[in-house]
PDB file of N, CA and C in Angstrom:
ATOM      1  N   MET A   1     -18.994  48.693-136.583  1.00  0.00           N
ATOM      2  CA  MET A   1     -19.446  47.863-137.681  1.00  0.00           C
ATOM      3  C   MET A   1     -20.518  48.623-138.461  1.00  0.00           C
ATOM      4  N   ARG A   2     -20.546  48.370-139.747  1.00  0.00           N
ATOM      5  CA  ARG A   2     -21.608  48.944-140.576  1.00  0.00           C
ATOM      6  C   ARG A   2     -22.152  47.866-141.498  1.00  0.00           C
ATOM      7  N   ALA A   3     -23.418  48.001-141.812  1.00  0.00           N
ATOM      8  CA  ALA A   3     -24.074  47.005-142.660  1.00  0.00           C
ATOM      9  C   ALA A   3     -24.056  47.472-144.107  1.00  0.00           C
ATOM     10  N   ILE A   4     -23.836  46.517-145.003  1.00  0.00           N
ATOM     11  CA  ILE A   4     -24.053  46.744-146.428  1.00  0.00           C
ATOM     12  C   ILE A   4     -24.955  45.621-146.924  1.00  0.00           C
ATOM     13  N   PHE A   5     -25.696  45.901-147.954  1.00  0.00           N
ATOM     14  CA  PHE A   5     -26.546  44.899-148.577  1.00  0.00           C
ATOM     15  C   PHE A   5     -26.043  44.686-149.997  1.00  0.00           C
ATOM     16  N   VAL A   6     -25.944  43.432-150.401  1.00  0.00           N
ATOM     17  CA  VAL A   6     -25.486  43.122-151.745  1.00  0.00           C
ATOM     18  C   VAL A   6     -26.523  42.230-152.418  1.00  0.00           C
ATOM     19  N   GLN A   7     -27.066  42.712-153.537  1.00  0.00           N
ATOM     20  CA  GLN A   7     -27.943  41.894-154.354  1.00  0.00           C
ATOM     21  C   GLN A   7     -27.045  41.106-155.299  1.00  0.00           C
ATOM     22  N   ILE A   8     -27.331  39.820-155.438  1.00  0.00           N
ATOM     23  CA  ILE A   8     -26.468  38.929-156.207  1.00  0.00           C
ATOM     24  C   ILE A   8     -27.278  38.254-157.303  1.00  0.00           C
ATOM     25  N   LYS A   9     -26.800  38.401-158.543  1.00  0.00           N
ATOM     26  CA  LYS A   9     -27.388  37.706-159.679  1.00  0.00           C
ATOM     27  C   LYS A   9     -26.492  36.503-159.974  1.00  0.00           C
ATOM     28  N   CYS A  10     -27.101  35.330-160.072  1.00  0.00           N
ATOM     29  CA  CYS A  10     -26.351  34.089-160.247  1.00  0.00           C
ATOM     30  C   CYS A  10     -26.526  33.522-161.654  1.00  0.00           C
ATOM     31  N   GLU A  11     -25.590  32.704-162.047  1.00  0.00           N
ATOM     32  CA  GLU A  11     -25.767  31.932-163.270  1.00  0.00           C
ATOM     33  C   GLU A  11     -26.999  31.057-163.085  1.00  0.00           C
ATOM     34  N   MET A  12     -27.670  30.738-164.165  1.00  0.00           N
ATOM     35  CA  MET A  12     -28.881  29.911-164.096  1.00  0.00           C
ATOM     36  C   MET A  12     -28.608  28.610-163.337  1.00  0.00           C
ATOM     37  N   GLY A  13     -29.477  28.299-162.386  1.00  0.00           N
ATOM     38  CA  GLY A  13     -29.400  27.043-161.650  1.00  0.00           C
ATOM     39  C   GLY A  13     -28.350  26.979-160.561  1.00  0.00           C
ATOM     40  N   THR A  14     -27.726  28.116-160.203  1.00  0.00           N
ATOM     41  CA  THR A  14     -26.647  28.061-159.204  1.00  0.00           C
ATOM     42  C   THR A  14     -26.949  28.813-157.912  1.00  0.00           C
ATOM     43  N   ALA A  15     -28.116  29.420-157.792  1.00  0.00           N
ATOM     44  CA  ALA A  15     -28.390  30.292-156.641  1.00  0.00           C
ATOM     45  C   ALA A  15     -28.212  29.574-155.303  1.00  0.00           C
ATOM     46  N   TYR A  16     -28.689  28.354-155.190  1.00  0.00           N
ATOM     47  CA  TYR A  16     -28.572  27.657-153.910  1.00  0.00           C
ATOM     48  C   TYR A  16     -27.122  27.278-153.618  1.00  0.00           C
ATOM     49  N   ARG A  17     -26.381  26.914-154.645  1.00  0.00           N
ATOM     50  CA  ARG A  17     -24.956  26.600-154.445  1.00  0.00           C
ATOM     51  C   ARG A  17     -24.187  27.851-154.033  1.00  0.00           C
ATOM     52  N   VAL A  18     -24.496  28.973-154.676  1.00  0.00           N
ATOM     53  CA  VAL A  18     -23.856  30.236-154.305  1.00  0.00           C
ATOM     54  C   VAL A  18     -24.191  30.585-152.864  1.00  0.00           C
ATOM     55  N   ALA A  19     -25.453  30.457-152.482  1.00  0.00           N
ATOM     56  CA  ALA A  19     -25.875  30.780-151.114  1.00  0.00           C
ATOM     57  C   ALA A  19     -25.163  29.902-150.088  1.00  0.00           C
ATOM     58  N   GLU A  20     -25.087  28.611-150.362  1.00  0.00           N
ATOM     59  CA  GLU A  20     -24.418  27.699-149.423  1.00  0.00           C
ATOM     60  C   GLU A  20     -22.941  28.038-149.285  1.00  0.00           C
ATOM     61  N   ARG A  21     -22.302  28.323-150.397  1.00  0.00           N
ATOM     62  CA  ARG A  21     -20.873  28.652-150.362  1.00  0.00           C
ATOM     63  C   ARG A  21     -20.636  29.965-149.618  1.00  0.00           C
ATOM     64  N   ALA A  22     -21.474  30.965-149.869  1.00  0.00           N
ATOM     65  CA  ALA A  22     -21.343  32.244-149.170  1.00  0.00           C
ATOM     66  C   ALA A  22     -21.503  32.043-147.665  1.00  0.00           C
ATOM     67  N   ALA A  23     -22.491  31.261-147.260  1.00  0.00           N
ATOM     68  CA  ALA A  23     -22.726  31.012-145.831  1.00  0.00           C
ATOM     69  C   ALA A  23     -21.532  30.309-145.194  1.00  0.00           C
ATOM     70  N   ASP A  24     -20.904  29.418-145.939  1.00  0.00           N
ATOM     71  CA  ASP A  24     -19.762  28.664-145.414  1.00  0.00           C
ATOM     72  C   ASP A  24     -18.470  29.473-145.383  1.00  0.00           C
ATOM     73  N   GLU A  25     -18.300  30.403-146.322  1.00  0.00           N
ATOM     74  CA  GLU A  25     -16.990  31.023-146.524  1.00  0.00           C
ATOM     75  C   GLU A  25     -16.863  32.484-146.122  1.00  0.00           C
ATOM     76  N   ILE A  26     -17.976  33.189-145.964  1.00  0.00           N
ATOM     77  CA  ILE A  26     -17.884  34.635-145.699  1.00  0.00           C
ATOM     78  C   ILE A  26     -18.355  34.920-144.271  1.00  0.00           C
ATOM     79  N   ALA A  27     -17.403  35.130-143.389  1.00  0.00           N
ATOM     80  CA  ALA A  27     -17.713  35.355-141.972  1.00  0.00           C
ATOM     81  C   ALA A  27     -18.520  36.630-141.750  1.00  0.00           C
ATOM     82  N   GLU A  28     -18.372  37.614-142.621  1.00  0.00           N
ATOM     83  CA  GLU A  28     -19.077  38.890-142.465  1.00  0.00           C
ATOM     84  C   GLU A  28     -20.551  38.799-142.839  1.00  0.00           C
ATOM     85  N   LEU A  29     -20.974  37.680-143.381  1.00  0.00           N
ATOM     86  CA  LEU A  29     -22.371  37.498-143.773  1.00  0.00           C
ATOM     87  C   LEU A  29     -23.250  37.352-142.539  1.00  0.00           C
ATOM     88  N   SER A  30     -24.278  38.199-142.461  1.00  0.00           N
ATOM     89  CA  SER A  30     -25.234  38.128-141.362  1.00  0.00           C
ATOM     90  C   SER A  30     -26.465  37.333-141.771  1.00  0.00           C
ATOM     91  N   GLU A  31     -27.029  37.689-142.927  1.00  0.00           N
ATOM     92  CA  GLU A  31     -28.241  37.034-143.428  1.00  0.00           C
ATOM     93  C   GLU A  31     -28.160  36.971-144.942  1.00  0.00           C
ATOM     94  N   LEU A  32     -28.747  35.928-145.513  1.00  0.00           N
ATOM     95  CA  LEU A  32     -28.798  35.788-146.963  1.00  0.00           C
ATOM     96  C   LEU A  32     -30.171  35.253-147.341  1.00  0.00           C
ATOM     97  N   TYR A  33     -30.845  35.971-148.224  1.00  0.00           N
ATOM     98  CA  TYR A  33     -32.213  35.621-148.615  1.00  0.00           C
ATOM     99  C   TYR A  33     -32.258  35.306-150.106  1.00  0.00           C
ATOM    100  N   SER A  34     -33.070  34.327-150.478  1.00  0.00           N
ATOM    101  CA  SER A  34     -33.384  34.143-151.889  1.00  0.00           C
ATOM    102  C   SER A  34     -34.504  35.121-152.211  1.00  0.00           C
ATOM    103  N   THR A  35     -34.453  35.695-153.408  1.00  0.00           N
ATOM    104  CA  THR A  35     -35.414  36.720-153.786  1.00  0.00           C
ATOM    105  C   THR A  35     -35.938  36.462-155.196  1.00  0.00           C
ATOM    106  N   SER A  36     -37.013  37.127-155.532  1.00  0.00           N
ATOM    107  CA  SER A  36     -37.518  37.090-156.903  1.00  0.00           C
ATOM    108  C   SER A  36     -37.151  38.408-157.562  1.00  0.00           C
ATOM    109  N   GLY A  37     -37.218  38.430-158.864  1.00  0.00           N
ATOM    110  CA  GLY A  37     -36.924  39.662-159.575  1.00  0.00           C
ATOM    111  C   GLY A  37     -35.598  39.599-160.289  1.00  0.00           C
ATOM    112  N   GLN A  38     -34.981  40.746-160.443  1.00  0.00           N
ATOM    113  CA  GLN A  38     -33.761  40.871-161.234  1.00  0.00           C
ATOM    114  C   GLN A  38     -32.571  40.161-160.593  1.00  0.00           C
ATOM    115  N   TYR A  39     -32.536  40.079-159.280  1.00  0.00           N
ATOM    116  CA  TYR A  39     -31.435  39.428-158.563  1.00  0.00           C
ATOM    117  C   TYR A  39     -31.962  38.198-157.839  1.00  0.00           C
ATOM    118  N   ASP A  40     -31.081  37.236-157.611  1.00  0.00           N
ATOM    119  CA  ASP A  40     -31.471  35.957-157.022  1.00  0.00           C
ATOM    120  C   ASP A  40     -31.308  35.909-155.503  1.00  0.00           C
ATOM    121  N   LEU A  41     -30.339  36.649-154.982  1.00  0.00           N
ATOM    122  CA  LEU A  41     -30.027  36.615-153.552  1.00  0.00           C
ATOM    123  C   LEU A  41     -29.835  38.026-153.026  1.00  0.00           C
ATOM    124  N   LEU A  42     -30.124  38.210-151.753  1.00  0.00           N
ATOM    125  CA  LEU A  42     -29.877  39.470-151.062  1.00  0.00           C
ATOM    126  C   LEU A  42     -29.111  39.150-149.797  1.00  0.00           C
ATOM    127  N   GLY A  43     -27.887  39.666-149.707  1.00  0.00           N
ATOM    128  CA  GLY A  43     -27.049  39.402-148.542  1.00  0.00           C
ATOM    129  C   GLY A  43     -26.856  40.642-147.700  1.00  0.00           C
ATOM    130  N   LYS A  44     -26.866  40.450-146.381  1.00  0.00           N
ATOM    131  CA  LYS A  44     -26.562  41.519-145.434  1.00  0.00           C
ATOM    132  C   LYS A  44     -25.218  41.177-144.804  1.00  0.00           C
ATOM    133  N   PHE A  45     -24.270  42.084-144.932  1.00  0.00           N
ATOM    134  CA  PHE A  45     -22.917  41.868-144.434  1.00  0.00           C
ATOM    135  C   PHE A  45     -22.555  42.973-143.463  1.00  0.00           C
ATOM    136  N   TYR A  46     -21.838  42.635-142.408  1.00  0.00           N
ATOM    137  CA  TYR A  46     -21.331  43.623-141.466  1.00  0.00           C
ATOM    138  C   TYR A  46     -19.833  43.739-141.644  1.00  0.00           C
ATOM    139  N   LEU A  47     -19.376  44.964-141.949  1.00  0.00           N
ATOM    140  CA  LEU A  47     -17.963  45.227-142.168  1.00  0.00           C
ATOM    141  C   LEU A  47     -17.455  46.220-141.141  1.00  0.00           C
ATOM    142  N   GLY A  48     -16.177  46.156-140.862  1.00  0.00           N
ATOM    143  CA  GLY A  48     -15.552  47.134-139.988  1.00  0.00           C
ATOM    144  C   GLY A  48     -15.616  48.518-140.619  1.00  0.00           C
ATOM    145  N   VAL A  49     -15.551  49.563-139.803  1.00  0.00           N
ATOM    146  CA  VAL A  49     -15.698  50.928-140.315  1.00  0.00           C
ATOM    147  C   VAL A  49     -14.588  51.295-141.294  1.00  0.00           C
ATOM    148  N   ASP A  50     -13.439  50.684-141.199  1.00  0.00           N
ATOM    149  CA  ASP A  50     -12.325  50.994-142.096  1.00  0.00           C
ATOM    150  C   ASP A  50     -12.233  50.015-143.271  1.00  0.00           C
ATOM    151  N   ALA A  51     -13.167  49.096-143.388  1.00  0.00           N
ATOM    152  CA  ALA A  51     -13.113  48.093-144.459  1.00  0.00           C
ATOM    153  C   ALA A  51     -13.304  48.753-145.819  1.00  0.00           C
ATOM    154  N   ASP A  52     -12.601  48.248-146.803  1.00  0.00           N
ATOM    155  CA  ASP A  52     -12.752  48.696-148.187  1.00  0.00           C
ATOM    156  C   ASP A  52     -13.912  47.918-148.796  1.00  0.00           C
ATOM    157  N   ILE A  53     -15.059  48.570-148.933  1.00  0.00           N
ATOM    158  CA  ILE A  53     -16.276  47.904-149.398  1.00  0.00           C
ATOM    159  C   ILE A  53     -16.098  47.359-150.806  1.00  0.00           C
ATOM    160  N   GLY A  54     -15.518  48.135-151.681  1.00  0.00           N
ATOM    161  CA  GLY A  54     -15.310  47.688-153.051  1.00  0.00           C
ATOM    162  C   GLY A  54     -14.443  46.447-153.122  1.00  0.00           C
ATOM    163  N   ARG A  55     -13.375  46.427-152.357  1.00  0.00           N
ATOM    164  CA  ARG A  55     -12.494  45.257-152.328  1.00  0.00           C
ATOM    165  C   ARG A  55     -13.223  44.048-151.751  1.00  0.00           C
ATOM    166  N   PHE A  56     -13.990  44.266-150.676  1.00  0.00           N
ATOM    167  CA  PHE A  56     -14.741  43.165-150.075  1.00  0.00           C
ATOM    168  C   PHE A  56     -15.700  42.550-151.085  1.00  0.00           C
ATOM    169  N   VAL A  57     -16.474  43.387-151.766  1.00  0.00           N
ATOM    170  CA  VAL A  57     -17.469  42.878-152.705  1.00  0.00           C
ATOM    171  C   VAL A  57     -16.790  42.161-153.872  1.00  0.00           C
ATOM    172  N   THR A  58     -15.773  42.773-154.451  1.00  0.00           N
ATOM    173  CA  THR A  58     -15.144  42.150-155.615  1.00  0.00           C
ATOM    174  C   THR A  58     -14.369  40.895-155.269  1.00  0.00           C
ATOM    175  N   GLU A  59     -13.676  40.898-154.135  1.00  0.00           N
ATOM    176  CA  GLU A  59     -12.827  39.749-153.802  1.00  0.00           C
ATOM    177  C   GLU A  59     -13.548  38.643-153.050  1.00  0.00           C
ATOM    178  N   ARG A  60     -14.574  38.981-152.290  1.00  0.00           N
ATOM    179  CA  ARG A  60     -15.220  37.964-151.454  1.00  0.00           C
ATOM    180  C   ARG A  60     -16.568  37.521-152.000  1.00  0.00           C
ATOM    181  N   VAL A  61     -17.331  38.424-152.603  1.00  0.00           N
ATOM    182  CA  VAL A  61     -18.677  38.089-153.083  1.00  0.00           C
ATOM    183  C   VAL A  61     -18.653  37.772-154.576  1.00  0.00           C
ATOM    184  N   GLN A  62     -18.150  38.688-155.384  1.00  0.00           N
ATOM    185  CA  GLN A  62     -18.155  38.474-156.826  1.00  0.00           C
ATOM    186  C   GLN A  62     -17.284  37.292-157.256  1.00  0.00           C
ATOM    187  N   SER A  63     -16.329  36.925-156.443  1.00  0.00           N
ATOM    188  CA  SER A  63     -15.430  35.819-156.804  1.00  0.00           C
ATOM    189  C   SER A  63     -16.027  34.437-156.525  1.00  0.00           C
ATOM    190  N   LEU A  64     -17.194  34.386-155.869  1.00  0.00           N
ATOM    191  CA  LEU A  64     -17.840  33.094-155.634  1.00  0.00           C
ATOM    192  C   LEU A  64     -18.246  32.466-156.967  1.00  0.00           C
ATOM    193  N   PRO A  65     -17.970  31.183-157.160  1.00  0.00           N
ATOM    194  CA  PRO A  65     -18.387  30.520-158.394  1.00  0.00           C
ATOM    195  C   PRO A  65     -19.903  30.610-158.572  1.00  0.00           C
ATOM    196  N   GLY A  66     -20.342  31.009-159.764  1.00  0.00           N
ATOM    197  CA  GLY A  66     -21.765  31.118-160.058  1.00  0.00           C
ATOM    198  C   GLY A  66     -22.314  32.521-159.960  1.00  0.00           C
ATOM    199  N   VAL A  67     -21.540  33.463-159.404  1.00  0.00           N
ATOM    200  CA  VAL A  67     -22.006  34.851-159.310  1.00  0.00           C
ATOM    201  C   VAL A  67     -21.782  35.533-160.653  1.00  0.00           C
ATOM    202  N   ARG A  68     -22.838  36.134-161.177  1.00  0.00           N
ATOM    203  CA  ARG A  68     -22.779  36.802-162.475  1.00  0.00           C
ATOM    204  C   ARG A  68     -22.723  38.320-162.358  1.00  0.00           C
ATOM    205  N   ASP A  69     -23.377  38.869-161.329  1.00  0.00           N
ATOM    206  CA  ASP A  69     -23.453  40.322-161.193  1.00  0.00           C
ATOM    207  C   ASP A  69     -23.836  40.640-159.754  1.00  0.00           C
ATOM    208  N   THR A  70     -23.476  41.843-159.298  1.00  0.00           N
ATOM    209  CA  THR A  70     -23.883  42.285-157.960  1.00  0.00           C
ATOM    210  C   THR A  70     -24.317  43.744-158.016  1.00  0.00           C
ATOM    211  N   TYR A  71     -25.090  44.127-157.022  1.00  0.00           N
ATOM    212  CA  TYR A  71     -25.505  45.510-156.836  1.00  0.00           C
ATOM    213  C   TYR A  71     -25.410  45.787-155.341  1.00  0.00           C
ATOM    214  N   THR A  72     -24.579  46.742-154.960  1.00  0.00           N
ATOM    215  CA  THR A  72     -24.294  46.997-153.547  1.00  0.00           C
ATOM    216  C   THR A  72     -25.018  48.234-153.050  1.00  0.00           C
ATOM    217  N   LEU A  73     -25.644  48.092-151.881  1.00  0.00           N
ATOM    218  CA  LEU A  73     -26.298  49.207-151.199  1.00  0.00           C
ATOM    219  C   LEU A  73     -25.528  49.482-149.912  1.00  0.00           C
ATOM    220  N   ILE A  74     -25.079  50.723-149.768  1.00  0.00           N
ATOM    221  CA  ILE A  74     -24.356  51.130-148.565  1.00  0.00           C
ATOM    222  C   ILE A  74     -25.353  51.814-147.640  1.00  0.00           C
ATOM    223  N   THR A  75     -25.334  51.449-146.377  1.00  0.00           N
ATOM    224  CA  THR A  75     -26.301  52.001-145.427  1.00  0.00           C
ATOM    225  C   THR A  75     -25.687  53.133-144.604  1.00  0.00           C
ATOM    226  N   PHE A  76     -26.553  53.994-144.081  1.00  0.00           N
ATOM    227  CA  PHE A  76     -26.117  55.109-143.257  1.00  0.00           C
ATOM    228  C   PHE A  76     -26.532  54.924-141.806  1.00  0.00           C
ATOM    229  N   ASN A  77     -27.810  54.677-141.572  1.00  0.00           N
ATOM    230  CA  ASN A  77     -28.345  54.535-140.224  1.00  0.00           C
ATOM    231  C   ASN A  77     -29.305  53.359-140.177  1.00  0.00           C
ATOM    232  N   ALA A  78     -29.444  52.772-138.998  1.00  0.00           N
ATOM    233  CA  ALA A  78     -30.427  51.722-138.772  1.00  0.00           C
ATOM    234  C   ALA A  78     -31.470  52.260-137.810  1.00  0.00           C
ATOM    235  N   PHE A  79     -32.719  52.000-138.126  1.00  0.00           N
ATOM    236  CA  PHE A  79     -33.819  52.455-137.282  1.00  0.00           C
ATOM    237  C   PHE A  79     -34.570  51.249-136.778  1.00  0.00           C
ATOM    238  N   GLY A  80     -34.843  51.174-135.494  1.00  0.00           N
ATOM    239  CA  GLY A  80     -35.517  50.038-134.906  1.00  0.00           C
ATOM    240  C   GLY A  80     -37.018  50.178-134.947  1.00  0.00           C
ATOM    241  N   GLY A  81     -37.677  49.034-134.876  1.00  0.00           N
ATOM    242  CA  GLY A  81     -39.137  49.020-134.810  1.00  0.00           C
ATOM    243  C   GLY A  81     -39.588  49.083-133.369  1.00  0.00           C
ATOM    244  N   GLY A  82     -40.798  48.708-133.136  1.00  0.00           N
ATOM    245  CA  GLY A  82     -41.310  48.641-131.781  1.00  0.00           C
ATOM    246  C   GLY A  82     -41.779  49.958-131.209  1.00  0.00           C
ATOM    247  N   ARG A  83     -41.908  50.968-132.031  1.00  0.00           N
ATOM    248  CA  ARG A  83     -42.376  52.257-131.529  1.00  0.00           C
ATOM    249  C   ARG A  83     -43.874  52.204-131.320  1.00  0.00           C
ATOM    250  N   THR A  84     -44.334  52.849-130.290  1.00  0.00           N
ATOM    251  CA  THR A  84     -45.775  52.893-130.025  1.00  0.00           C
ATOM    252  C   THR A  84     -46.276  54.316-130.187  1.00  0.00           C
ATOM    253  N   GLY A  85     -47.549  54.410-130.565  1.00  0.00           N
ATOM    254  CA  GLY A  85     -48.328  55.597-130.599  1.00  0.00           C
ATOM    255  C   GLY A  85     -47.907  56.761-131.293  1.00  0.00           C
TER     256      GLY A  85
END
């Protein structure tokens, strides 16, 4: 599995509806945060290593009613916290 992050810009007044629908309909969604700034939501999704990221974003995320724009970040490595000294 690999993580991708998708910033989601919503139509005015739809961010909470988009978030609820994404949580209900997208099994690959791990976490979804409301944010300030240029984008309204930040989603963390886990996809299989052979998954087509572009197809996933366009067909599963961008197709949600109320989504106006997305910006996708592809990750390479995850680093854990908890290091001492």
